Amino acid sequence: MSSTYDSNNIFFKIIRGEIPCDKVLESEHSLAFRDINPRAKVHVLVIPKKPYINLNDFVLYAEDLEKIDIFNCISQVVKQEKVTDSGYRVLTNIGYDGHQEVQHLHFHILGGQPLGGFIKKLVIN
């Protein structure tokens, strides 16, 4: 775990049970729940239960079982939410430029509707 992790962030409060969530799935190392401000018909967040700031932190410090577990959880959620055939997006934001709002690793699973283009193409002169 990074020494700069803030254990008072909203996701760690959810993990500790201090704030309720609309739980979709829980495993030994991960928790999936509905986003309170959904950006698509299906908008589920998947987070590790241990305190990791972002994907970089997770890759450096998580045990292999945690890494396997979180991707298994993502796979189970997309099946459970029935977006495997129609398509979905898995997204994680890292840092300021990546617009990470909560400093706890979280993957957004978005689907259930056409999601449109990802990011506008950069025009280089």
C-alpha atoms as a PDB file:
ATOM      1  CA  MET A   1       0.000   0.000   0.000  1.00  0.00           C
ATOM      2  CA  SER A   2       1.184   3.475  -0.821  1.00  0.00           C
ATOM      3  CA  SER A   3       2.011   5.640   2.174  1.00  0.00           C
ATOM      4  CA  THR A   4      -0.224   8.412   0.780  1.00  0.00           C
ATOM      5  CA  TYR A   5      -3.469   6.396   0.879  1.00  0.00           C
ATOM      6  CA  ASP A   6      -6.349   8.239   2.599  1.00  0.00           C
ATOM      7  CA  SER A   7      -8.427   5.686   4.520  1.00  0.00           C
ATOM      8  CA  ASN A   8     -11.257   8.232   4.878  1.00  0.00           C
ATOM      9  CA  ASN A   9     -12.199   8.093   1.179  1.00  0.00           C
ATOM     10  CA  ILE A  10     -15.768   7.080   0.343  1.00  0.00           C
ATOM     11  CA  PHE A  11     -14.870   3.667  -1.104  1.00  0.00           C
ATOM     12  CA  PHE A  12     -12.919   2.579   1.950  1.00  0.00           C
ATOM     13  CA  LYS A  13     -15.842   3.731   4.107  1.00  0.00           C
ATOM     14  CA  ILE A  14     -18.088   1.489   1.970  1.00  0.00           C
ATOM     15  CA  ILE A  15     -15.673  -1.424   2.459  1.00  0.00           C
ATOM     16  CA  ARG A  16     -15.721  -0.846   6.234  1.00  0.00           C
ATOM     17  CA  GLY A  17     -19.545  -0.768   6.194  1.00  0.00           C
ATOM     18  CA  GLU A  18     -19.775   2.866   7.303  1.00  0.00           C
ATOM     19  CA  ILE A  19     -21.635   3.870   4.121  1.00  0.00           C
ATOM     20  CA  PRO A  20     -24.215   1.600   2.438  1.00  0.00           C
ATOM     21  CA  CYS A  21     -23.997   0.585  -1.201  1.00  0.00           C
ATOM     22  CA  ASP A  22     -26.154  -1.197  -3.754  1.00  0.00           C
ATOM     23  CA  LYS A  23     -24.018  -4.336  -3.810  1.00  0.00           C
ATOM     24  CA  VAL A  24     -23.887  -6.314  -7.040  1.00  0.00           C
ATOM     25  CA  LEU A  25     -21.217  -8.867  -6.111  1.00  0.00           C
ATOM     26  CA  GLU A  26     -18.716  -9.527  -3.369  1.00  0.00           C
ATOM     27  CA  SER A  27     -15.753 -11.864  -3.366  1.00  0.00           C
ATOM     28  CA  GLU A  28     -12.912 -12.496  -0.965  1.00  0.00           C
ATOM     29  CA  HIS A  29     -10.836  -9.588  -2.305  1.00  0.00           C
ATOM     30  CA  SER A  30     -13.250  -7.408  -4.302  1.00  0.00           C
ATOM     31  CA  LEU A  31     -16.553  -5.584  -4.047  1.00  0.00           C
ATOM     32  CA  ALA A  32     -18.861  -4.543  -6.893  1.00  0.00           C
ATOM     33  CA  PHE A  33     -21.687  -2.046  -6.456  1.00  0.00           C
ATOM     34  CA  ARG A  34     -23.836   0.321  -8.517  1.00  0.00           C
ATOM     35  CA  ASP A  35     -22.529   3.824  -9.092  1.00  0.00           C
ATOM     36  CA  ILE A  36     -24.709   6.432  -7.354  1.00  0.00           C
ATOM     37  CA  ASN A  37     -24.345   8.755 -10.375  1.00  0.00           C
ATOM     38  CA  PRO A  38     -24.647   6.305 -13.284  1.00  0.00           C
ATOM     39  CA  ARG A  39     -23.351   7.330 -16.711  1.00  0.00           C
ATOM     40  CA  ALA A  40     -25.056   4.395 -18.480  1.00  0.00           C
ATOM     41  CA  LYS A  41     -27.942   1.976 -17.880  1.00  0.00           C
ATOM     42  CA  VAL A  42     -25.374  -0.384 -16.389  1.00  0.00           C
ATOM     43  CA  HIS A  43     -22.751   1.397 -14.296  1.00  0.00           C
ATOM     44  CA  VAL A  44     -21.088  -0.814 -11.727  1.00  0.00           C
ATOM     45  CA  LEU A  45     -17.908  -0.070  -9.809  1.00  0.00           C
ATOM     46  CA  VAL A  46     -15.504  -2.864  -8.894  1.00  0.00           C
ATOM     47  CA  ILE A  47     -12.969  -2.138  -6.160  1.00  0.00           C
ATOM     48  CA  PRO A  48     -10.363  -4.106  -4.254  1.00  0.00           C
ATOM     49  CA  LYS A  49     -11.078  -4.486  -0.545  1.00  0.00           C
ATOM     50  CA  LYS A  50      -7.542  -3.495   0.402  1.00  0.00           C
ATOM     51  CA  PRO A  51      -6.312   0.107   0.204  1.00  0.00           C
ATOM     52  CA  TYR A  52      -4.792   0.742  -3.223  1.00  0.00           C
ATOM     53  CA  ILE A  53      -4.812   4.251  -4.680  1.00  0.00           C
ATOM     54  CA  ASN A  54      -4.849   3.311  -8.353  1.00  0.00           C
ATOM     55  CA  LEU A  55      -3.854   0.632 -10.843  1.00  0.00           C
ATOM     56  CA  ASN A  56      -0.147   1.472 -10.492  1.00  0.00           C
ATOM     57  CA  ASP A  57      -0.345   0.993  -6.714  1.00  0.00           C
ATOM     58  CA  PHE A  58      -2.330  -2.239  -7.166  1.00  0.00           C
ATOM     59  CA  VAL A  59       0.167  -3.731  -9.627  1.00  0.00           C
ATOM     60  CA  LEU A  60       3.073  -2.919  -7.292  1.00  0.00           C
ATOM     61  CA  TYR A  61       1.593  -4.065  -3.986  1.00  0.00           C
ATOM     62  CA  ALA A  62      -1.338  -6.460  -4.489  1.00  0.00           C
ATOM     63  CA  GLU A  63      -0.933 -10.192  -4.116  1.00  0.00           C
ATOM     64  CA  ASP A  64      -1.474 -12.332  -7.203  1.00  0.00           C
ATOM     65  CA  LEU A  65      -4.730 -13.702  -5.741  1.00  0.00           C
ATOM     66  CA  GLU A  66      -6.105 -10.156  -5.429  1.00  0.00           C
ATOM     67  CA  LYS A  67      -5.192  -9.415  -9.056  1.00  0.00           C
ATOM     68  CA  ILE A  68      -6.881 -12.581 -10.288  1.00  0.00           C
ATOM     69  CA  ASP A  69      -9.897 -11.972  -8.060  1.00  0.00           C
ATOM     70  CA  ILE A  70     -10.641  -8.456  -9.268  1.00  0.00           C
ATOM     71  CA  PHE A  71     -10.655  -9.483 -12.932  1.00  0.00           C
ATOM     72  CA  ASN A  72     -12.773 -12.537 -12.149  1.00  0.00           C
ATOM     73  CA  CYS A  73     -15.173 -10.200 -10.358  1.00  0.00           C
ATOM     74  CA  ILE A  74     -15.344  -7.907 -13.408  1.00  0.00           C
ATOM     75  CA  SER A  75     -16.049 -10.936 -15.604  1.00  0.00           C
ATOM     76  CA  GLN A  76     -18.807 -12.148 -13.286  1.00  0.00           C
ATOM     77  CA  VAL A  77     -20.430  -8.703 -13.133  1.00  0.00           C
ATOM     78  CA  VAL A  78     -20.640  -8.328 -16.922  1.00  0.00           C
ATOM     79  CA  LYS A  79     -22.260 -11.773 -17.142  1.00  0.00           C
ATOM     80  CA  GLN A  80     -24.651 -11.021 -14.294  1.00  0.00           C
ATOM     81  CA  GLU A  81     -25.585  -7.631 -15.806  1.00  0.00           C
ATOM     82  CA  LYS A  82     -26.108  -9.321 -19.201  1.00  0.00           C
ATOM     83  CA  VAL A  83     -23.863  -7.003 -21.218  1.00  0.00           C
ATOM     84  CA  THR A  84     -21.424  -9.594 -22.560  1.00  0.00           C
ATOM     85  CA  ASP A  85     -23.199  -9.936 -25.922  1.00  0.00           C
ATOM     86  CA  SER A  86     -24.156  -6.309 -26.522  1.00  0.00           C
ATOM     87  CA  GLY A  87     -20.816  -4.908 -25.362  1.00  0.00           C
ATOM     88  CA  TYR A  88     -19.502  -2.924 -22.455  1.00  0.00           C
ATOM     89  CA  ARG A  89     -16.597  -0.738 -21.376  1.00  0.00           C
ATOM     90  CA  VAL A  90     -14.214  -1.230 -18.440  1.00  0.00           C
ATOM     91  CA  LEU A  91     -12.465   1.953 -17.390  1.00  0.00           C
ATOM     92  CA  THR A  92     -10.185   3.073 -14.602  1.00  0.00           C
ATOM     93  CA  ASN A  93      -8.997   6.635 -14.110  1.00  0.00           C
ATOM     94  CA  ILE A  94      -5.547   7.364 -12.709  1.00  0.00           C
ATOM     95  CA  GLY A  95      -4.346  10.669 -11.314  1.00  0.00           C
ATOM     96  CA  TYR A  96      -5.297  14.243 -11.983  1.00  0.00           C
ATOM     97  CA  ASP A  97      -5.057  14.197 -15.790  1.00  0.00           C
ATOM     98  CA  GLY A  98      -6.952  10.896 -15.842  1.00  0.00           C
ATOM     99  CA  HIS A  99      -9.715  12.555 -13.783  1.00  0.00           C
ATOM    100  CA  GLN A 100      -9.547  10.141 -10.844  1.00  0.00           C
ATOM    101  CA  GLU A 101     -12.067  11.506  -8.352  1.00  0.00           C
ATOM    102  CA  VAL A 102     -11.731   8.942  -5.547  1.00  0.00           C
ATOM    103  CA  GLN A 103      -8.218   7.926  -4.560  1.00  0.00           C
ATOM    104  CA  HIS A 104      -9.025   4.217  -4.303  1.00  0.00           C
ATOM    105  CA  LEU A 105      -8.618   1.922  -7.305  1.00  0.00           C
ATOM    106  CA  HIS A 106     -11.944   1.389  -8.997  1.00  0.00           C
ATOM    107  CA  PHE A 107     -13.020  -0.010 -12.324  1.00  0.00           C
ATOM    108  CA  HIS A 108     -16.145   1.356 -13.988  1.00  0.00           C
ATOM    109  CA  ILE A 109     -18.182  -1.218 -15.906  1.00  0.00           C
ATOM    110  CA  LEU A 110     -20.447   0.642 -18.328  1.00  0.00           C
ATOM    111  CA  GLY A 111     -22.993  -0.888 -20.671  1.00  0.00           C
ATOM    112  CA  GLY A 112     -26.613  -1.609 -21.429  1.00  0.00           C
ATOM    113  CA  GLN A 113     -26.732   1.022 -24.178  1.00  0.00           C
ATOM    114  CA  PRO A 114     -24.564   2.361 -27.021  1.00  0.00           C
ATOM    115  CA  LEU A 115     -21.662   4.156 -25.338  1.00  0.00           C
ATOM    116  CA  GLY A 116     -20.488   6.258 -28.270  1.00  0.00           C
ATOM    117  CA  GLY A 117     -16.919   7.174 -29.051  1.00  0.00           C
ATOM    118  CA  PHE A 118     -14.282   6.944 -26.402  1.00  0.00           C
ATOM    119  CA  ILE A 119     -12.094  10.041 -26.661  1.00  0.00           C
ATOM    120  CA  LYS A 120     -11.994  12.562 -29.473  1.00  0.00           C
ATOM    121  CA  LYS A 121      -9.145  11.971 -31.871  1.00  0.00           C
ATOM    122  CA  LEU A 122      -6.210  14.263 -31.316  1.00  0.00           C
ATOM    123  CA  VAL A 123      -5.414  16.363 -34.360  1.00  0.00           C
ATOM    124  CA  ILE A 124      -1.691  16.921 -34.669  1.00  0.00           C
ATOM    125  CA  ASN A 125      -0.499  19.633 -37.045  1.00  0.00           C
END
